[in-house]
PDB file of N, CA and C in Angstrom:
ATOM      1  N   MET A   1     -17.139 -39.346  -3.592  1.00  0.00           N
ATOM      2  CA  MET A   1     -16.822 -38.020  -3.744  1.00  0.00           C
ATOM      3  C   MET A   1     -17.834 -36.903  -2.997  1.00  0.00           C
ATOM      4  N   ASN A   2     -19.115 -37.228  -3.385  1.00  0.00           N
ATOM      5  CA  ASN A   2     -20.111 -36.457  -2.571  1.00  0.00           C
ATOM      6  C   ASN A   2     -20.074 -36.610  -1.185  1.00  0.00           C
ATOM      7  N   LYS A   3     -19.833 -37.737  -0.564  1.00  0.00           N
ATOM      8  CA  LYS A   3     -19.684 -37.771   0.944  1.00  0.00           C
ATOM      9  C   LYS A   3     -18.365 -37.161   1.434  1.00  0.00           C
ATOM     10  N   LEU A   4     -17.462 -37.178   0.740  1.00  0.00           N
ATOM     11  CA  LEU A   4     -16.195 -36.222   1.046  1.00  0.00           C
ATOM     12  C   LEU A   4     -16.644 -34.679   1.145  1.00  0.00           C
ATOM     13  N   ILE A   5     -17.179 -34.334   0.251  1.00  0.00           N
ATOM     14  CA  ILE A   5     -17.729 -32.978   0.291  1.00  0.00           C
ATOM     15  C   ILE A   5     -18.607 -32.737   1.325  1.00  0.00           C
ATOM     16  N   GLN A   6     -19.549 -33.329   1.674  1.00  0.00           N
ATOM     17  CA  GLN A   6     -20.482 -33.516   2.814  1.00  0.00           C
ATOM     18  C   GLN A   6     -19.601 -33.354   3.977  1.00  0.00           C
ATOM     19  N   TRP A   7     -18.508 -34.201   4.197  1.00  0.00           N
ATOM     20  CA  TRP A   7     -17.922 -34.073   5.530  1.00  0.00           C
ATOM     21  C   TRP A   7     -17.087 -32.938   5.729  1.00  0.00           C
ATOM     22  N   PHE A   8     -16.476 -32.259   4.378  1.00  0.00           N
ATOM     23  CA  PHE A   8     -15.757 -31.081   4.654  1.00  0.00           C
ATOM     24  C   PHE A   8     -16.616 -29.802   5.061  1.00  0.00           C
ATOM     25  N   ASN A   9     -17.960 -30.088   4.531  1.00  0.00           N
ATOM     26  CA  ASN A   9     -19.017 -28.937   5.002  1.00  0.00           C
ATOM     27  C   ASN A   9     -19.616 -29.254   6.402  1.00  0.00           C
ATOM     28  N   SER A  10     -19.224 -30.210   6.974  1.00  0.00           N
ATOM     29  CA  SER A  10     -20.062 -30.633   8.250  1.00  0.00           C
ATOM     30  C   SER A  10     -19.764 -29.802   9.338  1.00  0.00           C
ATOM     31  N   VAL A  11     -20.402 -29.902  10.314  1.00  0.00           N
ATOM     32  CA  VAL A  11     -19.869 -29.010  11.511  1.00  0.00           C
ATOM     33  C   VAL A  11     -18.935 -29.901  12.419  1.00  0.00           C
ATOM     34  N   GLU A  12     -19.018 -31.132  12.175  1.00  0.00           N
ATOM     35  CA  GLU A  12     -17.783 -32.010  13.316  1.00  0.00           C
ATOM     36  C   GLU A  12     -16.649 -31.691  12.516  1.00  0.00           C
ATOM     37  N   TRP A  13     -16.419 -31.586  11.298  1.00  0.00           N
ATOM     38  CA  TRP A  13     -15.100 -31.299  10.580  1.00  0.00           C
ATOM     39  C   TRP A  13     -14.555 -29.820  11.275  1.00  0.00           C
ATOM     40  N   LYS A  14     -15.466 -28.827  11.199  1.00  0.00           N
ATOM     41  CA  LYS A  14     -14.985 -27.695  11.663  1.00  0.00           C
ATOM     42  C   LYS A  14     -14.738 -27.646  13.092  1.00  0.00           C
ATOM     43  N   HIS A  15     -15.735 -28.407  13.975  1.00  0.00           N
ATOM     44  CA  HIS A  15     -15.346 -28.476  15.394  1.00  0.00           C
ATOM     45  C   HIS A  15     -14.000 -29.104  15.582  1.00  0.00           C
ATOM     46  N   GLY A  16     -13.988 -30.160  14.988  1.00  0.00           N
ATOM     47  CA  GLY A  16     -12.596 -31.131  15.075  1.00  0.00           C
ATOM     48  C   GLY A  16     -11.357 -30.260  14.770  1.00  0.00           C
ATOM     49  N   PHE A  17     -11.457 -29.377  13.675  1.00  0.00           N
ATOM     50  CA  PHE A  17     -10.157 -28.587  13.521  1.00  0.00           C
ATOM     51  C   PHE A  17      -9.860 -27.363  14.236  1.00  0.00           C
ATOM     52  N   GLU A  18     -11.142 -26.822  14.851  1.00  0.00           N
ATOM     53  CA  GLU A  18     -11.075 -25.734  15.788  1.00  0.00           C
ATOM     54  C   GLU A  18     -10.481 -26.317  17.386  1.00  0.00           C
ATOM     55  N   GLN A  19     -10.812 -27.407  17.556  1.00  0.00           N
ATOM     56  CA  GLN A  19     -10.222 -28.170  18.763  1.00  0.00           C
ATOM     57  C   GLN A  19      -8.829 -28.413  18.508  1.00  0.00           C
ATOM     58  N   LEU A  20      -8.409 -28.891  17.440  1.00  0.00           N
ATOM     59  CA  LEU A  20      -6.916 -29.198  17.145  1.00  0.00           C
ATOM     60  C   LEU A  20      -6.244 -27.899  17.138  1.00  0.00           C
ATOM     61  N   PHE A  21      -6.504 -26.747  16.526  1.00  0.00           N
ATOM     62  CA  PHE A  21      -5.999 -25.437  16.776  1.00  0.00           C
ATOM     63  C   PHE A  21      -5.910 -25.163  18.244  1.00  0.00           C
ATOM     64  N   ILE A  22      -6.830 -25.199  18.984  1.00  0.00           N
ATOM     65  CA  ILE A  22      -6.710 -24.723  20.282  1.00  0.00           C
ATOM     66  C   ILE A  22      -5.747 -25.632  21.212  1.00  0.00           C
ATOM     67  N   ALA A  23      -5.734 -26.953  20.884  1.00  0.00           N
ATOM     68  CA  ALA A  23      -4.691 -27.717  21.542  1.00  0.00           C
ATOM     69  C   ALA A  23      -3.081 -27.248  20.938  1.00  0.00           C
ATOM     70  N   ILE A  24      -3.134 -27.012  19.871  1.00  0.00           N
ATOM     71  CA  ILE A  24      -1.557 -26.502  19.582  1.00  0.00           C
ATOM     72  C   ILE A  24      -1.469 -25.180  20.315  1.00  0.00           C
ATOM     73  N   ASP A  25      -2.527 -24.127  20.268  1.00  0.00           N
ATOM     74  CA  ASP A  25      -2.344 -22.861  20.789  1.00  0.00           C
ATOM     75  C   ASP A  25      -2.156 -23.160  22.316  1.00  0.00           C
ATOM     76  N   GLN A  26      -2.682 -24.095  23.171  1.00  0.00           N
ATOM     77  CA  GLN A  26      -2.170 -24.095  24.224  1.00  0.00           C
ATOM     78  C   GLN A  26      -0.885 -24.729  24.648  1.00  0.00           C
ATOM     79  N   LEU A  27      -0.402 -25.516  23.734  1.00  0.00           N
ATOM     80  CA  LEU A  27       0.879 -26.014  23.880  1.00  0.00           C
ATOM     81  C   LEU A  27       1.800 -24.917  23.585  1.00  0.00           C
ATOM     82  N   LEU A  28       1.598 -23.908  22.648  1.00  0.00           N
ATOM     83  CA  LEU A  28       2.412 -22.993  22.490  1.00  0.00           C
ATOM     84  C   LEU A  28       2.573 -22.105  23.827  1.00  0.00           C
ATOM     85  N   ASN A  29       1.427 -21.805  24.493  1.00  0.00           N
ATOM     86  CA  ASN A  29       1.312 -21.090  25.675  1.00  0.00           C
ATOM     87  C   ASN A  29       2.328 -21.471  26.804  1.00  0.00           C
ATOM     88  N   VAL A  30       2.385 -22.963  26.645  1.00  0.00           N
ATOM     89  CA  VAL A  30       3.337 -23.531  27.725  1.00  0.00           C
ATOM     90  C   VAL A  30       4.671 -23.249  27.249  1.00  0.00           C
ATOM     91  N   ILE A  31       5.056 -23.528  26.012  1.00  0.00           N
ATOM     92  CA  ILE A  31       6.387 -23.396  25.595  1.00  0.00           C
ATOM     93  C   ILE A  31       6.829 -22.050  25.469  1.00  0.00           C
ATOM     94  N   PHE A  32       6.144 -21.246  24.996  1.00  0.00           N
ATOM     95  CA  PHE A  32       6.660 -19.608  25.089  1.00  0.00           C
ATOM     96  C   PHE A  32       6.556 -19.040  26.425  1.00  0.00           C
ATOM     97  N   GLY A  33       5.438 -19.364  27.356  1.00  0.00           N
ATOM     98  CA  GLY A  33       5.607 -18.944  28.562  1.00  0.00           C
ATOM     99  C   GLY A  33       6.584 -19.645  29.398  1.00  0.00           C
ATOM    100  N   ASN A  34       6.671 -19.216  30.672  1.00  0.00           N
ATOM    101  CA  ASN A  34       7.591 -19.991  31.594  1.00  0.00           C
ATOM    102  C   ASN A  34       6.789 -21.088  32.021  1.00  0.00           C
ATOM    103  N   PRO A  35       7.351 -22.616  31.672  1.00  0.00           N
ATOM    104  CA  PRO A  35       6.579 -23.513  32.015  1.00  0.00           C
ATOM    105  C   PRO A  35       6.647 -24.119  33.465  1.00  0.00           C
ATOM    106  N   PHE A  36       7.610 -23.429  34.263  1.00  0.00           N
ATOM    107  CA  PHE A  36       7.708 -23.676  35.532  1.00  0.00           C
ATOM    108  C   PHE A  36       7.360 -22.606  36.433  1.00  0.00           C
ATOM    109  N   SER A  37       6.412 -21.635  35.827  1.00  0.00           N
ATOM    110  CA  SER A  37       5.623 -20.474  36.653  1.00  0.00           C
ATOM    111  C   SER A  37       4.492 -20.984  37.045  1.00  0.00           C
ATOM    112  N   LYS A  38       4.120 -20.389  38.218  1.00  0.00           N
ATOM    113  CA  LYS A  38       2.755 -20.589  38.840  1.00  0.00           C
ATOM    114  C   LYS A  38       1.681 -19.759  37.970  1.00  0.00           C
ATOM    115  N   ASP A  39       2.047 -19.092  37.067  1.00  0.00           N
ATOM    116  CA  ASP A  39       1.199 -18.201  36.220  1.00  0.00           C
ATOM    117  C   ASP A  39       0.857 -18.888  34.802  1.00  0.00           C
ATOM    118  N   THR A  40       1.427 -20.185  34.537  1.00  0.00           N
ATOM    119  CA  THR A  40       1.300 -20.926  33.547  1.00  0.00           C
ATOM    120  C   THR A  40       0.168 -21.969  33.596  1.00  0.00           C
ATOM    121  N   TRP A  41      -0.832 -22.005  32.824  1.00  0.00           N
ATOM    122  CA  TRP A  41      -1.846 -22.857  32.930  1.00  0.00           C
ATOM    123  C   TRP A  41      -1.920 -23.411  31.567  1.00  0.00           C
ATOM    124  N   SER A  42      -2.034 -24.966  31.420  1.00  0.00           N
ATOM    125  CA  SER A  42      -1.924 -25.636  30.204  1.00  0.00           C
ATOM    126  C   SER A  42      -3.195 -25.547  29.515  1.00  0.00           C
ATOM    127  N   ASP A  43      -4.246 -25.152  30.052  1.00  0.00           N
ATOM    128  CA  ASP A  43      -5.656 -25.149  29.356  1.00  0.00           C
ATOM    129  C   ASP A  43      -5.886 -23.653  28.809  1.00  0.00           C
ATOM    130  N   GLU A  44      -4.873 -22.797  29.038  1.00  0.00           N
ATOM    131  CA  GLU A  44      -5.092 -21.349  28.437  1.00  0.00           C
ATOM    132  C   GLU A  44      -4.231 -21.214  27.128  1.00  0.00           C
ATOM    133  N   THR A  45      -4.885 -20.563  26.150  1.00  0.00           N
ATOM    134  CA  THR A  45      -4.323 -20.399  24.971  1.00  0.00           C
ATOM    135  C   THR A  45      -3.188 -19.208  24.854  1.00  0.00           C
ATOM    136  N   ILE A  46      -2.264 -19.264  24.074  1.00  0.00           N
ATOM    137  CA  ILE A  46      -1.155 -18.107  24.165  1.00  0.00           C
ATOM    138  C   ILE A  46      -2.106 -16.711  23.841  1.00  0.00           C
ATOM    139  N   SER A  47      -3.052 -16.823  23.129  1.00  0.00           N
ATOM    140  CA  SER A  47      -3.718 -15.567  22.779  1.00  0.00           C
ATOM    141  C   SER A  47      -4.194 -14.962  24.096  1.00  0.00           C
ATOM    142  N   SER A  48      -4.981 -15.822  24.663  1.00  0.00           N
ATOM    143  CA  SER A  48      -5.793 -15.675  26.000  1.00  0.00           C
ATOM    144  C   SER A  48      -4.600 -14.946  27.034  1.00  0.00           C
ATOM    145  N   ARG A  49      -3.594 -15.698  27.089  1.00  0.00           N
ATOM    146  CA  ARG A  49      -2.570 -15.354  28.104  1.00  0.00           C
ATOM    147  C   ARG A  49      -2.015 -13.732  27.477  1.00  0.00           C
ATOM    148  N   CYS A  50      -1.841 -13.586  26.435  1.00  0.00           N
ATOM    149  CA  CYS A  50      -1.324 -12.290  25.885  1.00  0.00           C
ATOM    150  C   CYS A  50      -2.261 -11.203  26.309  1.00  0.00           C
ATOM    151  N   GLY A  51      -3.624 -11.626  26.054  1.00  0.00           N
ATOM    152  CA  GLY A  51      -4.659 -10.711  26.494  1.00  0.00           C
ATOM    153  C   GLY A  51      -4.776 -10.335  28.074  1.00  0.00           C
ATOM    154  N   ARG A  52      -4.512 -11.457  28.849  1.00  0.00           N
ATOM    155  CA  ARG A  52      -4.533 -11.443  30.245  1.00  0.00           C
ATOM    156  C   ARG A  52      -3.213 -10.481  31.021  1.00  0.00           C
ATOM    157  N   LYS A  53      -2.167 -10.774  30.137  1.00  0.00           N
ATOM    158  CA  LYS A  53      -0.840 -10.136  30.654  1.00  0.00           C
ATOM    159  C   LYS A  53      -0.749  -8.765  30.184  1.00  0.00           C
ATOM    160  N   GLY A  54      -1.544  -8.459  29.355  1.00  0.00           N
ATOM    161  CA  GLY A  54      -1.568  -6.967  28.736  1.00  0.00           C
ATOM    162  C   GLY A  54      -0.138  -6.384  28.171  1.00  0.00           C
ATOM    163  N   ASN A  55       0.271  -5.520  29.122  1.00  0.00           N
ATOM    164  CA  ASN A  55       1.536  -4.965  28.569  1.00  0.00           C
ATOM    165  C   ASN A  55       2.952  -5.362  29.337  1.00  0.00           C
ATOM    166  N   ALA A  56       2.689  -6.641  29.798  1.00  0.00           N
ATOM    167  CA  ALA A  56       3.939  -7.247  30.565  1.00  0.00           C
ATOM    168  C   ALA A  56       4.818  -7.933  29.348  1.00  0.00           C
ATOM    169  N   LYS A  57       6.043  -7.604  29.619  1.00  0.00           N
ATOM    170  CA  LYS A  57       7.373  -8.317  28.620  1.00  0.00           C
ATOM    171  C   LYS A  57       7.100  -9.737  28.924  1.00  0.00           C
ATOM    172  N   PRO A  58       7.175 -10.652  27.828  1.00  0.00           N
ATOM    173  CA  PRO A  58       7.400 -10.419  26.571  1.00  0.00           C
ATOM    174  C   PRO A  58       5.852 -10.512  25.826  1.00  0.00           C
ATOM    175  N   TYR A  59       4.934 -10.666  26.800  1.00  0.00           N
ATOM    176  CA  TYR A  59       3.444 -10.959  26.118  1.00  0.00           C
ATOM    177  C   TYR A  59       3.163  -9.617  25.265  1.00  0.00           C
ATOM    178  N   MET A  60       3.485  -8.535  25.620  1.00  0.00           N
ATOM    179  CA  MET A  60       3.157  -7.480  24.785  1.00  0.00           C
ATOM    180  C   MET A  60       3.547  -7.492  23.350  1.00  0.00           C
ATOM    181  N   TYR A  61       4.796  -8.118  23.182  1.00  0.00           N
ATOM    182  CA  TYR A  61       5.338  -8.298  21.754  1.00  0.00           C
ATOM    183  C   TYR A  61       4.542  -9.541  21.009  1.00  0.00           C
ATOM    184  N   TYR A  62       4.343 -10.588  21.975  1.00  0.00           N
ATOM    185  CA  TYR A  62       3.683 -11.689  21.310  1.00  0.00           C
ATOM    186  C   TYR A  62       2.189 -11.269  20.909  1.00  0.00           C
ATOM    187  N   ARG A  63       1.536 -10.333  21.790  1.00  0.00           N
ATOM    188  CA  ARG A  63       0.196  -9.706  21.453  1.00  0.00           C
ATOM    189  C   ARG A  63       0.185  -9.085  19.949  1.00  0.00           C
ATOM    190  N   ILE A  64       1.162  -8.346  19.918  1.00  0.00           N
ATOM    191  CA  ILE A  64       1.174  -7.428  18.534  1.00  0.00           C
ATOM    192  C   ILE A  64       1.264  -8.461  17.371  1.00  0.00           C
ATOM    193  N   VAL A  65       2.082  -9.177  17.590  1.00  0.00           N
ATOM    194  CA  VAL A  65       2.317 -10.265  16.501  1.00  0.00           C
ATOM    195  C   VAL A  65       1.050 -11.185  16.077  1.00  0.00           C
ATOM    196  N   ILE A  66       0.527 -11.690  17.188  1.00  0.00           N
ATOM    197  CA  ILE A  66      -0.780 -12.552  17.202  1.00  0.00           C
ATOM    198  C   ILE A  66      -2.201 -11.673  16.582  1.00  0.00           C
ATOM    199  N   ASP A  67      -2.087 -10.292  17.187  1.00  0.00           N
ATOM    200  CA  ASP A  67      -3.081  -9.662  16.657  1.00  0.00           C
ATOM    201  C   ASP A  67      -3.150  -9.274  15.185  1.00  0.00           C
ATOM    202  N   TRP A  68      -1.963  -8.944  14.861  1.00  0.00           N
ATOM    203  CA  TRP A  68      -1.680  -8.610  13.349  1.00  0.00           C
ATOM    204  C   TRP A  68      -2.018  -9.860  12.691  1.00  0.00           C
ATOM    205  N   LEU A  69      -1.559 -11.216  12.944  1.00  0.00           N
ATOM    206  CA  LEU A  69      -2.025 -12.210  12.302  1.00  0.00           C
ATOM    207  C   LEU A  69      -3.218 -12.390  12.080  1.00  0.00           C
ATOM    208  N   PHE A  70      -4.043 -12.330  13.024  1.00  0.00           N
ATOM    209  CA  PHE A  70      -5.563 -12.464  13.113  1.00  0.00           C
ATOM    210  C   PHE A  70      -6.194 -11.484  12.644  1.00  0.00           C
ATOM    211  N   GLN A  71      -5.696 -10.281  12.486  1.00  0.00           N
ATOM    212  CA  GLN A  71      -6.308  -9.336  11.882  1.00  0.00           C
ATOM    213  C   GLN A  71      -6.197  -9.305  10.248  1.00  0.00           C
ATOM    214  N   TYR A  72      -4.823  -9.372   9.941  1.00  0.00           N
ATOM    215  CA  TYR A  72      -4.606  -9.142   8.524  1.00  0.00           C
ATOM    216  C   TYR A  72      -4.501 -10.408   7.605  1.00  0.00           C
ATOM    217  N   ILE A  73      -4.180 -11.527   8.309  1.00  0.00           N
ATOM    218  CA  ILE A  73      -3.922 -12.836   7.603  1.00  0.00           C
ATOM    219  C   ILE A  73      -5.012 -13.544   7.519  1.00  0.00           C
ATOM    220  N   LEU A  74      -5.710 -13.945   8.961  1.00  0.00           N
ATOM    221  CA  LEU A  74      -6.861 -14.591   9.186  1.00  0.00           C
ATOM    222  C   LEU A  74      -8.006 -13.938   8.910  1.00  0.00           C
ATOM    223  N   TRP A  75      -8.063 -12.517   8.861  1.00  0.00           N
ATOM    224  CA  TRP A  75      -9.220 -11.541   8.753  1.00  0.00           C
ATOM    225  C   TRP A  75     -10.329 -11.712  10.092  1.00  0.00           C
ATOM    226  N   GLN A  76     -10.058 -11.796  11.025  1.00  0.00           N
ATOM    227  CA  GLN A  76     -10.917 -11.960  12.322  1.00  0.00           C
ATOM    228  C   GLN A  76     -10.976 -10.693  12.987  1.00  0.00           C
ATOM    229  N   GLY A  77     -10.400  -9.672  12.546  1.00  0.00           N
ATOM    230  CA  GLY A  77     -10.730  -8.412  13.169  1.00  0.00           C
ATOM    231  C   GLY A  77      -9.714  -8.018  14.225  1.00  0.00           C
ATOM    232  N   PRO A  78      -9.805  -6.924  14.931  1.00  0.00           N
ATOM    233  CA  PRO A  78      -8.756  -6.282  15.620  1.00  0.00           C
ATOM    234  C   PRO A  78      -8.865  -6.907  17.085  1.00  0.00           C
ATOM    235  N   ASP A  79      -7.847  -6.909  18.003  1.00  0.00           N
ATOM    236  CA  ASP A  79      -7.822  -7.234  19.352  1.00  0.00           C
ATOM    237  C   ASP A  79      -8.219  -8.748  19.669  1.00  0.00           C
ATOM    238  N   HIS A  80      -7.580  -9.706  18.860  1.00  0.00           N
ATOM    239  CA  HIS A  80      -7.825 -10.996  19.041  1.00  0.00           C
ATOM    240  C   HIS A  80      -7.316 -11.494  20.266  1.00  0.00           C
ATOM    241  N   CYS A  81      -6.363 -11.123  20.869  1.00  0.00           N
ATOM    242  CA  CYS A  81      -5.908 -11.668  22.331  1.00  0.00           C
ATOM    243  C   CYS A  81      -6.647 -11.031  23.421  1.00  0.00           C
ATOM    244  N   VAL A  82      -7.407  -9.946  23.433  1.00  0.00           N
ATOM    245  CA  VAL A  82      -8.422  -9.284  24.415  1.00  0.00           C
ATOM    246  C   VAL A  82      -9.590 -10.263  24.551  1.00  0.00           C
ATOM    247  N   LYS A  83     -10.123 -10.349  23.041  1.00  0.00           N
ATOM    248  CA  LYS A  83     -11.264 -11.236  22.862  1.00  0.00           C
ATOM    249  C   LYS A  83     -11.083 -12.697  23.315  1.00  0.00           C
ATOM    250  N   ALA A  84     -10.015 -13.216  23.213  1.00  0.00           N
ATOM    251  CA  ALA A  84      -9.585 -14.635  23.465  1.00  0.00           C
ATOM    252  C   ALA A  84      -9.653 -14.546  25.083  1.00  0.00           C
ATOM    253  N   TYR A  85      -9.123 -13.805  25.638  1.00  0.00           N
ATOM    254  CA  TYR A  85      -9.029 -13.644  27.180  1.00  0.00           C
ATOM    255  C   TYR A  85     -10.705 -13.617  27.622  1.00  0.00           C
ATOM    256  N   GLN A  86     -11.448 -12.640  26.949  1.00  0.00           N
ATOM    257  CA  GLN A  86     -12.848 -12.701  27.526  1.00  0.00           C
ATOM    258  C   GLN A  86     -13.531 -13.803  27.151  1.00  0.00           C
ATOM    259  N   LYS A  87     -13.299 -14.753  26.151  1.00  0.00           N
ATOM    260  CA  LYS A  87     -13.804 -16.158  25.992  1.00  0.00           C
ATOM    261  C   LYS A  87     -13.430 -16.917  27.048  1.00  0.00           C
ATOM    262  N   GLU A  88     -12.189 -16.948  27.301  1.00  0.00           N
ATOM    263  CA  GLU A  88     -11.602 -18.012  28.287  1.00  0.00           C
ATOM    264  C   GLU A  88     -12.221 -17.588  29.683  1.00  0.00           C
ATOM    265  N   LYS A  89     -12.582 -16.385  30.015  1.00  0.00           N
ATOM    266  CA  LYS A  89     -13.274 -16.024  31.431  1.00  0.00           C
ATOM    267  C   LYS A  89     -14.924 -16.745  31.445  1.00  0.00           C
ATOM    268  N   THR A  90     -15.235 -16.564  30.265  1.00  0.00           N
ATOM    269  CA  THR A  90     -16.660 -17.273  30.092  1.00  0.00           C
ATOM    270  C   THR A  90     -16.599 -18.744  29.968  1.00  0.00           C
ATOM    271  N   GLN A  91     -15.484 -19.415  29.767  1.00  0.00           N
ATOM    272  CA  GLN A  91     -15.307 -20.889  29.560  1.00  0.00           C
ATOM    273  C   GLN A  91     -15.831 -21.279  28.281  1.00  0.00           C
ATOM    274  N   TYR A  92     -15.803 -20.223  27.310  1.00  0.00           N
ATOM    275  CA  TYR A  92     -16.276 -20.353  25.964  1.00  0.00           C
ATOM    276  C   TYR A  92     -15.853 -21.829  25.156  1.00  0.00           C
ATOM    277  N   ASN A  93     -14.779 -22.338  25.556  1.00  0.00           N
ATOM    278  CA  ASN A  93     -14.138 -23.406  24.957  1.00  0.00           C
ATOM    279  C   ASN A  93     -14.401 -24.720  25.622  1.00  0.00           C
ATOM    280  N   MET A  94     -15.186 -24.601  26.591  1.00  0.00           N
ATOM    281  CA  MET A  94     -15.560 -26.026  27.551  1.00  0.00           C
ATOM    282  C   MET A  94     -16.862 -26.390  26.603  1.00  0.00           C
ATOM    283  N   PRO A  95     -17.188 -27.768  27.002  1.00  0.00           N
ATOM    284  CA  PRO A  95     -18.426 -28.139  26.413  1.00  0.00           C
ATOM    285  C   PRO A  95     -19.644 -27.425  27.180  1.00  0.00           C
ATOM    286  N   PRO A  96     -20.541 -27.087  26.258  1.00  0.00           N
ATOM    287  CA  PRO A  96     -21.741 -26.371  26.815  1.00  0.00           C
ATOM    288  C   PRO A  96     -22.426 -26.978  28.242  1.00  0.00           C
ATOM    289  N   ALA A  97     -22.356 -28.000  28.121  1.00  0.00           N
ATOM    290  CA  ALA A  97     -22.954 -28.657  29.562  1.00  0.00           C
ATOM    291  C   ALA A  97     -21.879 -28.326  30.928  1.00  0.00           C
ATOM    292  N   MET A  98     -20.638 -28.056  30.685  1.00  0.00           N
ATOM    293  CA  MET A  98     -19.729 -27.843  31.796  1.00  0.00           C
ATOM    294  C   MET A  98     -19.415 -26.298  32.145  1.00  0.00           C
ATOM    295  N   ARG A  99     -20.237 -25.346  31.299  1.00  0.00           N
ATOM    296  CA  ARG A  99     -19.880 -24.286  31.490  1.00  0.00           C
ATOM    297  C   ARG A  99     -20.734 -23.643  32.742  1.00  0.00           C
ATOM    298  N   LYS A 100     -19.865 -22.493  33.428  1.00  0.00           N
ATOM    299  CA  LYS A 100     -20.756 -22.094  34.661  1.00  0.00           C
ATOM    300  C   LYS A 100     -22.126 -21.579  34.441  1.00  0.00           C
ATOM    301  N   ASP A 101     -22.296 -21.199  32.958  1.00  0.00           N
ATOM    302  CA  ASP A 101     -23.714 -20.460  32.748  1.00  0.00           C
ATOM    303  C   ASP A 101     -24.877 -21.579  32.696  1.00  0.00           C
ATOM    304  N   GLN A 102     -24.516 -22.654  32.620  1.00  0.00           N
ATOM    305  CA  GLN A 102     -25.543 -23.644  32.400  1.00  0.00           C
ATOM    306  C   GLN A 102     -26.148 -24.271  33.499  1.00  0.00           C
TER     307      GLN A 102
END
């Protein structure tokens, strides 16, 4: 039981859960965006795309819902989509050795 508690408190578990969530988020980007558009990128999250597309329909509506969820349900503060786009530009979700700043 102690090892199970240690595993749940470990960095590996949190990292794995975050990667799984990002993969699902990227799938949602392709599903809810136009999968046949040259503007759709499979490695971009729906949050980042909503931050990038700004006030273009339907992304402005998606952004309102996503920002609300992250601010009031997941308690991560305002402007989630814009922050996700800024992280995307810095390649935040890539392994550190593969980022441009390394």
